[in-house]
Amino acid sequence: MKKSLLCRLATLGTALLLSSITMVPAFAAQLSGHLDTVTADSISGWAWNAEASEESVTVEIAISSNESGPGANTFTTTQAVLPREDLKIALGSANHGFSCQIDWTKLYGETFLVTATAISGEERVPLIGTYSVSKDTLLASKSAEASASAVTPIPDAVQNATAAPTMEEIPLEKIALGPGYVDTKEETVSPSTTKTSVNKSSSSGSSKTVQSANTPKIESAEPGEYLGEFKATGYCNCQKCSGGYTKTYSGTIPKANHTLSADLNKFPIGTKLVINGITYTVEDKGSSVNGNKVDIFFETHAEALAFGTKTVDVFTAK
């Protein structure tokens, strides 16, 4: 009798375990996006869920002051639902932009670290792009723009075509990702072997170049033949990723949203592959980039780490 009861309990435990496994969702959210600009009036960018493009993704913006104490950290949320033509071209779906109004005079501190995180259910993914901003610089830029407009009238046609101050107009320094959830990601940045050594950049991700002002326009193309699922990682031209080389194996200057490292036995230099709606060109190779593995180039080490390791669908470009 005791043995029979133990067998029944063991069977019940196994059944419960199998039941819990079958209740796991078939897929997790494929969140991605970019923190594009931080200006005197707003913080903007885009975020989407590649597995459910119709979903309204929540974006949490974190603003951390350089000073400690109450009010040093500010968090606000918004929805990535604004239409953007560039996203429609690149992703095939337009309503994924966000823009959050900000009054820097009400924030505690003088300099701030700005990060953003995409949220879907229990999943949180940091957006590419982290900025260190100065309150004085932001407000001075806004004041200078207002003064210039007051002194010199701007024709309506020009005024309508003039955008808000961009990151290029504000001397902000891009730094490595700070507060957020990067430590929960697998820190695998595949080294890519390149030929020509020039100036070496810091592995911290710090750069005088501001991503929003210098990111190349996203090249899009209709997906062609489906090549299957590939393991994708990110890399940059820092010492840790590429030994400090600033040119690719093919001799080009690598660019974000363009350069891809792949197995050259499968994809010769110049091959165009479509990943997540973006057309990449194979220009580089890596010692660990073999078979169904690709390495996507990012401007900074922090962005490469934020990308982490993902399984992506890869297509040829039509």
C-alpha atoms as a PDB file:
ATOM      1  CA  MET A   1       0.000   0.000   0.000  1.00  0.00           C
ATOM      2  CA  LYS A   2       2.791   2.433   0.931  1.00  0.00           C
ATOM      3  CA  LYS A   3       4.693   1.590  -2.237  1.00  0.00           C
ATOM      4  CA  SER A   4       1.581   2.131  -4.351  1.00  0.00           C
ATOM      5  CA  LEU A   5       1.004   5.544  -2.761  1.00  0.00           C
ATOM      6  CA  LEU A   6       4.607   6.607  -3.425  1.00  0.00           C
ATOM      7  CA  CYS A   7       4.271   5.574  -7.083  1.00  0.00           C
ATOM      8  CA  ARG A   8       1.092   7.609  -7.427  1.00  0.00           C
ATOM      9  CA  LEU A   9       2.733  10.682  -5.884  1.00  0.00           C
ATOM     10  CA  ALA A  10       5.716  10.345  -8.212  1.00  0.00           C
ATOM     11  CA  THR A  11       3.394  10.059 -11.212  1.00  0.00           C
ATOM     12  CA  LEU A  12       1.426  13.118 -10.075  1.00  0.00           C
ATOM     13  CA  GLY A  13       4.651  15.137  -9.654  1.00  0.00           C
ATOM     14  CA  THR A  14       5.796  14.244 -13.159  1.00  0.00           C
ATOM     15  CA  ALA A  15       2.413  15.222 -14.588  1.00  0.00           C
ATOM     16  CA  LEU A  16       2.510  18.603 -12.834  1.00  0.00           C
ATOM     17  CA  LEU A  17       6.034  19.266 -14.144  1.00  0.00           C
ATOM     18  CA  LEU A  18       5.045  18.450 -17.722  1.00  0.00           C
ATOM     19  CA  SER A  19       1.944  20.615 -17.371  1.00  0.00           C
ATOM     20  CA  SER A  20       4.012  23.610 -16.221  1.00  0.00           C
ATOM     21  CA  ILE A  21       6.390  23.172 -19.157  1.00  0.00           C
ATOM     22  CA  THR A  22       3.551  23.207 -21.678  1.00  0.00           C
ATOM     23  CA  MET A  23       2.228  26.419 -20.150  1.00  0.00           C
ATOM     24  CA  VAL A  24       5.408  28.374 -21.093  1.00  0.00           C
ATOM     25  CA  PRO A  25       4.672  30.800 -23.949  1.00  0.00           C
ATOM     26  CA  ALA A  26       5.734  29.601 -27.392  1.00  0.00           C
ATOM     27  CA  PHE A  27       7.894  32.685 -27.896  1.00  0.00           C
ATOM     28  CA  ALA A  28       9.249  35.625 -25.963  1.00  0.00           C
ATOM     29  CA  ALA A  29       8.967  39.227 -27.029  1.00  0.00           C
ATOM     30  CA  GLN A  30      11.644  40.329 -29.517  1.00  0.00           C
ATOM     31  CA  LEU A  31      12.109  43.866 -28.240  1.00  0.00           C
ATOM     32  CA  SER A  32      14.483  46.368 -29.801  1.00  0.00           C
ATOM     33  CA  GLY A  33      14.755  50.087 -30.418  1.00  0.00           C
ATOM     34  CA  HIS A  34      16.867  53.206 -30.180  1.00  0.00           C
ATOM     35  CA  LEU A  35      17.086  56.298 -27.986  1.00  0.00           C
ATOM     36  CA  ASP A  36      17.536  58.835 -30.793  1.00  0.00           C
ATOM     37  CA  THR A  37      17.655  62.359 -29.360  1.00  0.00           C
ATOM     38  CA  VAL A  38      17.788  64.267 -26.102  1.00  0.00           C
ATOM     39  CA  THR A  39      17.020  67.950 -26.639  1.00  0.00           C
ATOM     40  CA  ALA A  40      16.124  70.968 -24.515  1.00  0.00           C
ATOM     41  CA  ASP A  41      12.445  70.004 -24.772  1.00  0.00           C
ATOM     42  CA  SER A  42      12.094  66.277 -25.324  1.00  0.00           C
ATOM     43  CA  ILE A  43      13.522  62.769 -25.365  1.00  0.00           C
ATOM     44  CA  SER A  44      12.630  60.655 -28.389  1.00  0.00           C
ATOM     45  CA  GLY A  45      13.351  57.405 -30.201  1.00  0.00           C
ATOM     46  CA  TRP A  46      11.601  54.186 -31.219  1.00  0.00           C
ATOM     47  CA  ALA A  47      10.836  50.718 -29.881  1.00  0.00           C
ATOM     48  CA  TRP A  48       8.948  47.696 -31.180  1.00  0.00           C
ATOM     49  CA  ASN A  49       8.254  44.027 -30.638  1.00  0.00           C
ATOM     50  CA  ALA A  50       9.325  42.131 -33.753  1.00  0.00           C
ATOM     51  CA  GLU A  51       7.120  39.185 -32.761  1.00  0.00           C
ATOM     52  CA  ALA A  52       4.008  41.394 -32.509  1.00  0.00           C
ATOM     53  CA  SER A  53       4.429  44.571 -34.542  1.00  0.00           C
ATOM     54  CA  GLU A  54       0.903  45.719 -33.711  1.00  0.00           C
ATOM     55  CA  GLU A  55       1.716  45.769 -29.974  1.00  0.00           C
ATOM     56  CA  SER A  56       2.071  49.136 -28.261  1.00  0.00           C
ATOM     57  CA  VAL A  57       5.442  48.831 -26.514  1.00  0.00           C
ATOM     58  CA  THR A  58       5.927  50.714 -23.253  1.00  0.00           C
ATOM     59  CA  VAL A  59       9.147  52.729 -22.953  1.00  0.00           C
ATOM     60  CA  GLU A  60      10.566  53.605 -19.533  1.00  0.00           C
ATOM     61  CA  ILE A  61      12.909  56.606 -19.568  1.00  0.00           C
ATOM     62  CA  ALA A  62      15.380  56.866 -16.684  1.00  0.00           C
ATOM     63  CA  ILE A  63      17.123  60.155 -15.895  1.00  0.00           C
ATOM     64  CA  SER A  64      19.820  59.851 -13.228  1.00  0.00           C
ATOM     65  CA  SER A  65      21.375  62.949 -11.689  1.00  0.00           C
ATOM     66  CA  ASN A  66      25.075  63.271 -10.891  1.00  0.00           C
ATOM     67  CA  GLU A  67      24.057  64.306  -7.359  1.00  0.00           C
ATOM     68  CA  SER A  68      22.747  61.907  -4.736  1.00  0.00           C
ATOM     69  CA  GLY A  69      19.707  62.409  -2.579  1.00  0.00           C
ATOM     70  CA  PRO A  70      15.916  62.547  -2.947  1.00  0.00           C
ATOM     71  CA  GLY A  71      14.903  63.316  -6.508  1.00  0.00           C
ATOM     72  CA  ALA A  72      18.235  62.207  -7.981  1.00  0.00           C
ATOM     73  CA  ASN A  73      16.556  59.568 -10.147  1.00  0.00           C
ATOM     74  CA  THR A  74      13.549  60.315 -12.318  1.00  0.00           C
ATOM     75  CA  PHE A  75      11.519  57.712 -14.178  1.00  0.00           C
ATOM     76  CA  THR A  76       8.745  58.307 -16.690  1.00  0.00           C
ATOM     77  CA  THR A  77       6.941  56.038 -19.127  1.00  0.00           C
ATOM     78  CA  THR A  78       5.458  56.595 -22.553  1.00  0.00           C
ATOM     79  CA  GLN A  79       4.099  54.473 -25.401  1.00  0.00           C
ATOM     80  CA  ALA A  80       5.933  53.909 -28.672  1.00  0.00           C
ATOM     81  CA  VAL A  81       2.977  54.592 -30.962  1.00  0.00           C
ATOM     82  CA  LEU A  82       3.982  57.650 -33.025  1.00  0.00           C
ATOM     83  CA  PRO A  83       4.126  57.128 -36.826  1.00  0.00           C
ATOM     84  CA  ARG A  84       7.545  57.410 -38.501  1.00  0.00           C
ATOM     85  CA  GLU A  85       8.075  56.971 -42.214  1.00  0.00           C
ATOM     86  CA  ASP A  86      11.669  55.793 -41.767  1.00  0.00           C
ATOM     87  CA  LEU A  87      10.490  52.931 -39.555  1.00  0.00           C
ATOM     88  CA  LYS A  88       7.858  51.936 -42.094  1.00  0.00           C
ATOM     89  CA  ILE A  89      10.595  51.637 -44.704  1.00  0.00           C
ATOM     90  CA  ALA A  90      13.048  49.783 -42.446  1.00  0.00           C
ATOM     91  CA  LEU A  91      10.688  47.622 -40.381  1.00  0.00           C
ATOM     92  CA  GLY A  92       7.597  47.442 -42.544  1.00  0.00           C
ATOM     93  CA  SER A  93       5.571  48.995 -39.721  1.00  0.00           C
ATOM     94  CA  ALA A  94       5.470  52.702 -38.870  1.00  0.00           C
ATOM     95  CA  ASN A  95       3.790  53.338 -35.507  1.00  0.00           C
ATOM     96  CA  HIS A  96       6.694  52.691 -33.152  1.00  0.00           C
ATOM     97  CA  GLY A  97       8.115  56.150 -32.414  1.00  0.00           C
ATOM     98  CA  PHE A  98       7.986  57.898 -29.047  1.00  0.00           C
ATOM     99  CA  SER A  99       8.610  61.422 -27.812  1.00  0.00           C
ATOM    100  CA  CYS A 100       8.454  62.484 -24.183  1.00  0.00           C
ATOM    101  CA  GLN A 101       8.335  66.159 -23.182  1.00  0.00           C
ATOM    102  CA  ILE A 102      10.851  67.137 -20.491  1.00  0.00           C
ATOM    103  CA  ASP A 103      11.342  70.219 -18.314  1.00  0.00           C
ATOM    104  CA  TRP A 104      14.978  70.103 -17.227  1.00  0.00           C
ATOM    105  CA  THR A 105      14.537  73.055 -14.836  1.00  0.00           C
ATOM    106  CA  LYS A 106      12.412  70.870 -12.557  1.00  0.00           C
ATOM    107  CA  LEU A 107      14.986  68.103 -12.240  1.00  0.00           C
ATOM    108  CA  TYR A 108      17.410  67.835  -9.342  1.00  0.00           C
ATOM    109  CA  GLY A 109      21.069  68.141 -10.357  1.00  0.00           C
ATOM    110  CA  GLU A 110      23.168  69.678 -13.132  1.00  0.00           C
ATOM    111  CA  THR A 111      24.221  66.722 -15.292  1.00  0.00           C
ATOM    112  CA  PHE A 112      22.180  63.645 -16.086  1.00  0.00           C
ATOM    113  CA  LEU A 113      22.506  60.155 -17.524  1.00  0.00           C
ATOM    114  CA  VAL A 114      19.587  59.324 -19.826  1.00  0.00           C
ATOM    115  CA  THR A 115      18.681  55.721 -20.688  1.00  0.00           C
ATOM    116  CA  ALA A 116      15.540  54.044 -21.999  1.00  0.00           C
ATOM    117  CA  THR A 117      14.094  50.541 -21.670  1.00  0.00           C
ATOM    118  CA  ALA A 118      11.454  48.772 -23.775  1.00  0.00           C
ATOM    119  CA  ILE A 119       8.931  46.799 -21.731  1.00  0.00           C
ATOM    120  CA  SER A 120       6.570  44.015 -22.792  1.00  0.00           C
ATOM    121  CA  GLY A 121       4.976  42.010 -20.020  1.00  0.00           C
ATOM    122  CA  GLU A 122       7.788  40.832 -17.762  1.00  0.00           C
ATOM    123  CA  GLU A 123      10.509  41.392 -20.362  1.00  0.00           C
ATOM    124  CA  ARG A 124      12.700  44.503 -20.230  1.00  0.00           C
ATOM    125  CA  VAL A 125      15.289  45.339 -22.906  1.00  0.00           C
ATOM    126  CA  PRO A 126      17.506  48.475 -22.827  1.00  0.00           C
ATOM    127  CA  LEU A 127      17.316  50.569 -25.976  1.00  0.00           C
ATOM    128  CA  ILE A 128      20.493  51.386 -27.885  1.00  0.00           C
ATOM    129  CA  GLY A 129      21.777  54.880 -27.092  1.00  0.00           C
ATOM    130  CA  THR A 130      22.765  56.361 -23.729  1.00  0.00           C
ATOM    131  CA  TYR A 131      23.512  60.051 -23.204  1.00  0.00           C
ATOM    132  CA  SER A 132      25.175  62.245 -20.599  1.00  0.00           C
ATOM    133  CA  VAL A 133      23.624  65.704 -20.739  1.00  0.00           C
ATOM    134  CA  SER A 134      24.236  69.039 -19.037  1.00  0.00           C
ATOM    135  CA  LYS A 135      21.261  71.091 -17.881  1.00  0.00           C
ATOM    136  CA  ASP A 136      23.113  74.357 -18.536  1.00  0.00           C
ATOM    137  CA  THR A 137      24.051  73.295 -22.068  1.00  0.00           C
ATOM    138  CA  LEU A 138      20.519  72.218 -22.907  1.00  0.00           C
ATOM    139  CA  LEU A 139      18.941  75.412 -21.574  1.00  0.00           C
ATOM    140  CA  ALA A 140      21.607  77.602 -23.198  1.00  0.00           C
ATOM    141  CA  SER A 141      20.920  75.930 -26.532  1.00  0.00           C
ATOM    142  CA  LYS A 142      17.207  76.574 -26.159  1.00  0.00           C
ATOM    143  CA  SER A 143      17.812  80.209 -25.173  1.00  0.00           C
ATOM    144  CA  ALA A 144      20.194  80.782 -28.097  1.00  0.00           C
ATOM    145  CA  GLU A 145      17.685  79.350 -30.542  1.00  0.00           C
ATOM    146  CA  ALA A 146      14.914  81.562 -29.149  1.00  0.00           C
ATOM    147  CA  SER A 147      17.143  84.652 -29.391  1.00  0.00           C
ATOM    148  CA  ALA A 148      18.146  83.882 -32.978  1.00  0.00           C
ATOM    149  CA  SER A 149      14.517  83.454 -33.964  1.00  0.00           C
ATOM    150  CA  ALA A 150      13.595  86.767 -32.330  1.00  0.00           C
ATOM    151  CA  VAL A 151      16.355  88.737 -34.088  1.00  0.00           C
ATOM    152  CA  THR A 152      16.099  87.245 -37.566  1.00  0.00           C
ATOM    153  CA  PRO A 153      12.617  86.386 -38.852  1.00  0.00           C
ATOM    154  CA  ILE A 154      12.570  82.979 -40.486  1.00  0.00           C
ATOM    155  CA  PRO A 155      10.475  82.502 -43.651  1.00  0.00           C
ATOM    156  CA  ASP A 156       7.571  80.113 -43.154  1.00  0.00           C
ATOM    157  CA  ALA A 157       8.946  77.591 -45.630  1.00  0.00           C
ATOM    158  CA  VAL A 158      12.272  77.401 -43.813  1.00  0.00           C
ATOM    159  CA  GLN A 159      10.692  77.468 -40.365  1.00  0.00           C
ATOM    160  CA  ASN A 160       8.464  74.520 -41.204  1.00  0.00           C
ATOM    161  CA  ALA A 161      11.468  72.538 -42.398  1.00  0.00           C
ATOM    162  CA  THR A 162      13.630  73.333 -39.364  1.00  0.00           C
ATOM    163  CA  ALA A 163      13.759  70.549 -36.808  1.00  0.00           C
ATOM    164  CA  ALA A 164      14.271  70.867 -33.058  1.00  0.00           C
ATOM    165  CA  PRO A 165      17.897  71.028 -31.827  1.00  0.00           C
ATOM    166  CA  THR A 166      19.651  67.751 -32.511  1.00  0.00           C
ATOM    167  CA  MET A 167      22.341  66.008 -30.519  1.00  0.00           C
ATOM    168  CA  GLU A 168      24.890  67.313 -33.052  1.00  0.00           C
ATOM    169  CA  GLU A 169      24.109  70.884 -31.973  1.00  0.00           C
ATOM    170  CA  ILE A 170      24.625  70.013 -28.311  1.00  0.00           C
ATOM    171  CA  PRO A 171      28.119  68.850 -27.276  1.00  0.00           C
ATOM    172  CA  LEU A 172      26.953  65.762 -25.404  1.00  0.00           C
ATOM    173  CA  GLU A 173      29.303  62.861 -24.766  1.00  0.00           C
ATOM    174  CA  LYS A 174      28.041  59.368 -25.363  1.00  0.00           C
ATOM    175  CA  ILE A 175      29.112  57.039 -22.545  1.00  0.00           C
ATOM    176  CA  ALA A 176      28.758  53.380 -21.639  1.00  0.00           C
ATOM    177  CA  LEU A 177      25.368  52.136 -20.517  1.00  0.00           C
ATOM    178  CA  GLY A 178      24.762  52.978 -16.871  1.00  0.00           C
ATOM    179  CA  PRO A 179      21.579  52.219 -14.912  1.00  0.00           C
ATOM    180  CA  GLY A 180      19.471  49.593 -16.615  1.00  0.00           C
ATOM    181  CA  TYR A 181      19.460  45.899 -17.143  1.00  0.00           C
ATOM    182  CA  VAL A 182      22.592  45.196 -19.159  1.00  0.00           C
ATOM    183  CA  ASP A 183      23.953  42.957 -16.375  1.00  0.00           C
ATOM    184  CA  THR A 184      21.121  40.503 -17.007  1.00  0.00           C
ATOM    185  CA  LYS A 185      22.265  39.949 -20.575  1.00  0.00           C
ATOM    186  CA  GLU A 186      24.861  37.492 -21.784  1.00  0.00           C
ATOM    187  CA  GLU A 187      27.995  39.577 -22.241  1.00  0.00           C
ATOM    188  CA  THR A 188      29.191  37.935 -25.426  1.00  0.00           C
ATOM    189  CA  VAL A 189      30.701  40.264 -27.967  1.00  0.00           C
ATOM    190  CA  SER A 190      32.371  38.247 -30.671  1.00  0.00           C
ATOM    191  CA  PRO A 191      35.806  39.490 -31.738  1.00  0.00           C
ATOM    192  CA  SER A 192      35.990  40.283 -35.442  1.00  0.00           C
ATOM    193  CA  THR A 193      39.373  40.026 -37.137  1.00  0.00           C
ATOM    194  CA  THR A 194      40.230  42.963 -39.396  1.00  0.00           C
ATOM    195  CA  LYS A 195      43.315  43.951 -41.363  1.00  0.00           C
ATOM    196  CA  THR A 196      44.354  47.555 -41.003  1.00  0.00           C
ATOM    197  CA  SER A 197      45.227  48.985 -37.586  1.00  0.00           C
ATOM    198  CA  VAL A 198      44.606  52.695 -37.048  1.00  0.00           C
ATOM    199  CA  ASN A 199      43.633  54.530 -33.851  1.00  0.00           C
ATOM    200  CA  LYS A 200      42.338  52.322 -31.047  1.00  0.00           C
ATOM    201  CA  SER A 201      39.100  53.280 -29.271  1.00  0.00           C
ATOM    202  CA  SER A 202      38.193  52.707 -25.652  1.00  0.00           C
ATOM    203  CA  SER A 203      36.328  49.536 -24.776  1.00  0.00           C
ATOM    204  CA  SER A 204      34.140  51.521 -22.393  1.00  0.00           C
ATOM    205  CA  GLY A 205      32.006  52.686 -25.297  1.00  0.00           C
ATOM    206  CA  SER A 206      32.814  56.353 -24.691  1.00  0.00           C
ATOM    207  CA  SER A 207      32.939  58.428 -27.832  1.00  0.00           C
ATOM    208  CA  LYS A 208      32.858  62.034 -28.872  1.00  0.00           C
ATOM    209  CA  THR A 209      30.625  60.960 -31.736  1.00  0.00           C
ATOM    210  CA  VAL A 210      26.932  61.157 -30.889  1.00  0.00           C
ATOM    211  CA  GLN A 211      24.965  58.234 -32.263  1.00  0.00           C
ATOM    212  CA  SER A 212      21.827  60.166 -33.180  1.00  0.00           C
ATOM    213  CA  ALA A 213      23.759  62.650 -35.306  1.00  0.00           C
ATOM    214  CA  ASN A 214      25.979  60.142 -37.107  1.00  0.00           C
ATOM    215  CA  THR A 215      24.014  56.924 -37.484  1.00  0.00           C
ATOM    216  CA  PRO A 216      23.814  56.143 -41.217  1.00  0.00           C
ATOM    217  CA  LYS A 217      20.382  56.069 -42.796  1.00  0.00           C
ATOM    218  CA  ILE A 218      18.882  52.609 -42.472  1.00  0.00           C
ATOM    219  CA  GLU A 219      19.027  50.789 -45.787  1.00  0.00           C
ATOM    220  CA  SER A 220      16.007  48.640 -46.465  1.00  0.00           C
ATOM    221  CA  ALA A 221      15.161  46.031 -49.090  1.00  0.00           C
ATOM    222  CA  GLU A 222      12.506  43.427 -49.691  1.00  0.00           C
ATOM    223  CA  PRO A 223      13.484  40.111 -48.066  1.00  0.00           C
ATOM    224  CA  GLY A 224      14.308  37.453 -50.619  1.00  0.00           C
ATOM    225  CA  GLU A 225      15.126  33.812 -49.912  1.00  0.00           C
ATOM    226  CA  TYR A 226      14.785  32.706 -46.272  1.00  0.00           C
ATOM    227  CA  LEU A 227      18.139  31.349 -45.100  1.00  0.00           C
ATOM    228  CA  GLY A 228      17.031  30.202 -41.650  1.00  0.00           C
ATOM    229  CA  GLU A 229      17.647  31.110 -38.034  1.00  0.00           C
ATOM    230  CA  PHE A 230      21.081  32.497 -37.189  1.00  0.00           C
ATOM    231  CA  LYS A 231      22.802  33.291 -33.909  1.00  0.00           C
ATOM    232  CA  ALA A 232      23.505  37.031 -33.909  1.00  0.00           C
ATOM    233  CA  THR A 233      25.859  38.998 -31.659  1.00  0.00           C
ATOM    234  CA  GLY A 234      27.163  42.559 -31.703  1.00  0.00           C
ATOM    235  CA  TYR A 235      30.659  43.976 -32.030  1.00  0.00           C
ATOM    236  CA  CYS A 236      32.415  47.320 -32.441  1.00  0.00           C
ATOM    237  CA  ASN A 237      35.948  48.431 -33.373  1.00  0.00           C
ATOM    238  CA  CYS A 238      37.208  48.652 -29.795  1.00  0.00           C
ATOM    239  CA  GLN A 239      40.217  46.778 -28.425  1.00  0.00           C
ATOM    240  CA  LYS A 240      38.076  44.025 -26.891  1.00  0.00           C
ATOM    241  CA  CYS A 241      36.011  43.319 -30.005  1.00  0.00           C
ATOM    242  CA  SER A 242      38.378  43.950 -32.895  1.00  0.00           C
ATOM    243  CA  GLY A 243      41.795  44.561 -31.404  1.00  0.00           C
ATOM    244  CA  GLY A 244      41.349  48.285 -31.988  1.00  0.00           C
ATOM    245  CA  TYR A 245      41.306  47.989 -35.795  1.00  0.00           C
ATOM    246  CA  THR A 246      39.050  50.596 -37.359  1.00  0.00           C
ATOM    247  CA  LYS A 247      38.684  49.040 -40.810  1.00  0.00           C
ATOM    248  CA  THR A 248      36.928  45.861 -41.816  1.00  0.00           C
ATOM    249  CA  TYR A 249      38.528  42.829 -43.419  1.00  0.00           C
ATOM    250  CA  SER A 250      37.405  44.209 -46.806  1.00  0.00           C
ATOM    251  CA  GLY A 251      39.110  47.553 -46.092  1.00  0.00           C
ATOM    252  CA  THR A 252      35.947  49.622 -45.545  1.00  0.00           C
ATOM    253  CA  ILE A 253      35.089  51.836 -42.592  1.00  0.00           C
ATOM    254  CA  PRO A 254      32.415  49.889 -40.664  1.00  0.00           C
ATOM    255  CA  LYS A 255      29.035  51.577 -40.198  1.00  0.00           C
ATOM    256  CA  ALA A 256      26.082  50.859 -37.910  1.00  0.00           C
ATOM    257  CA  ASN A 257      22.945  49.542 -39.629  1.00  0.00           C
ATOM    258  CA  HIS A 258      25.176  48.475 -42.542  1.00  0.00           C
ATOM    259  CA  THR A 259      28.282  46.391 -41.736  1.00  0.00           C
ATOM    260  CA  LEU A 260      27.989  42.667 -41.056  1.00  0.00           C
ATOM    261  CA  SER A 261      30.603  40.067 -40.165  1.00  0.00           C
ATOM    262  CA  ALA A 262      29.812  36.599 -41.525  1.00  0.00           C
ATOM    263  CA  ASP A 263      31.315  33.310 -42.642  1.00  0.00           C
ATOM    264  CA  LEU A 264      32.943  34.279 -45.947  1.00  0.00           C
ATOM    265  CA  ASN A 265      32.776  30.681 -47.162  1.00  0.00           C
ATOM    266  CA  LYS A 266      28.982  31.028 -47.124  1.00  0.00           C
ATOM    267  CA  PHE A 267      28.608  34.751 -47.787  1.00  0.00           C
ATOM    268  CA  PRO A 268      31.376  36.421 -49.818  1.00  0.00           C
ATOM    269  CA  ILE A 269      32.307  40.073 -49.278  1.00  0.00           C
ATOM    270  CA  GLY A 270      29.545  42.310 -50.613  1.00  0.00           C
ATOM    271  CA  THR A 271      26.682  39.890 -49.948  1.00  0.00           C
ATOM    272  CA  LYS A 272      23.557  41.709 -48.760  1.00  0.00           C
ATOM    273  CA  LEU A 273      21.474  40.080 -46.024  1.00  0.00           C
ATOM    274  CA  VAL A 274      18.209  41.315 -44.478  1.00  0.00           C
ATOM    275  CA  ILE A 275      17.890  41.049 -40.690  1.00  0.00           C
ATOM    276  CA  ASN A 276      14.968  42.592 -38.769  1.00  0.00           C
ATOM    277  CA  GLY A 277      14.057  44.692 -41.796  1.00  0.00           C
ATOM    278  CA  ILE A 278      17.550  46.193 -42.168  1.00  0.00           C
ATOM    279  CA  THR A 279      19.802  45.396 -45.122  1.00  0.00           C
ATOM    280  CA  TYR A 280      23.363  44.613 -44.028  1.00  0.00           C
ATOM    281  CA  THR A 281      26.407  44.192 -46.275  1.00  0.00           C
ATOM    282  CA  VAL A 282      28.989  41.504 -45.493  1.00  0.00           C
ATOM    283  CA  GLU A 283      32.252  43.441 -45.130  1.00  0.00           C
ATOM    284  CA  ASP A 284      33.997  41.655 -42.279  1.00  0.00           C
ATOM    285  CA  LYS A 285      34.890  38.257 -40.860  1.00  0.00           C
ATOM    286  CA  GLY A 286      35.656  36.941 -37.389  1.00  0.00           C
ATOM    287  CA  SER A 287      37.498  34.004 -35.895  1.00  0.00           C
ATOM    288  CA  SER A 288      34.309  32.751 -34.227  1.00  0.00           C
ATOM    289  CA  VAL A 289      31.874  33.762 -36.979  1.00  0.00           C
ATOM    290  CA  ASN A 290      31.228  30.470 -38.703  1.00  0.00           C
ATOM    291  CA  GLY A 291      28.222  28.742 -40.229  1.00  0.00           C
ATOM    292  CA  ASN A 292      24.878  30.147 -39.128  1.00  0.00           C
ATOM    293  CA  LYS A 293      26.417  32.939 -37.071  1.00  0.00           C
ATOM    294  CA  VAL A 294      26.604  36.666 -37.828  1.00  0.00           C
ATOM    295  CA  ASP A 295      28.156  39.616 -36.009  1.00  0.00           C
ATOM    296  CA  ILE A 296      26.400  42.989 -36.355  1.00  0.00           C
ATOM    297  CA  PHE A 297      28.508  46.161 -36.146  1.00  0.00           C
ATOM    298  CA  PHE A 298      27.608  48.888 -33.622  1.00  0.00           C
ATOM    299  CA  GLU A 299      29.214  52.292 -33.080  1.00  0.00           C
ATOM    300  CA  THR A 300      30.092  51.596 -29.434  1.00  0.00           C
ATOM    301  CA  HIS A 301      30.918  48.660 -27.196  1.00  0.00           C
ATOM    302  CA  ALA A 302      27.976  49.561 -24.946  1.00  0.00           C
ATOM    303  CA  GLU A 303      25.551  49.189 -27.843  1.00  0.00           C
ATOM    304  CA  ALA A 304      27.060  45.844 -28.802  1.00  0.00           C
ATOM    305  CA  LEU A 305      26.623  44.608 -25.223  1.00  0.00           C
ATOM    306  CA  ALA A 306      23.062  45.924 -25.119  1.00  0.00           C
ATOM    307  CA  PHE A 307      22.257  43.892 -28.257  1.00  0.00           C
ATOM    308  CA  GLY A 308      23.495  40.755 -26.500  1.00  0.00           C
ATOM    309  CA  THR A 309      22.981  37.403 -28.197  1.00  0.00           C
ATOM    310  CA  LYS A 310      19.825  36.773 -30.213  1.00  0.00           C
ATOM    311  CA  THR A 311      18.352  34.298 -32.641  1.00  0.00           C
ATOM    312  CA  VAL A 312      17.344  36.135 -35.808  1.00  0.00           C
ATOM    313  CA  ASP A 313      15.747  35.242 -39.131  1.00  0.00           C
ATOM    314  CA  VAL A 314      18.089  35.929 -42.052  1.00  0.00           C
ATOM    315  CA  PHE A 315      17.018  36.552 -45.655  1.00  0.00           C
ATOM    316  CA  THR A 316      18.790  37.395 -48.870  1.00  0.00           C
ATOM    317  CA  ALA A 317      18.023  40.843 -50.273  1.00  0.00           C
ATOM    318  CA  LYS A 318      15.917  41.006 -53.433  1.00  0.00           C
END
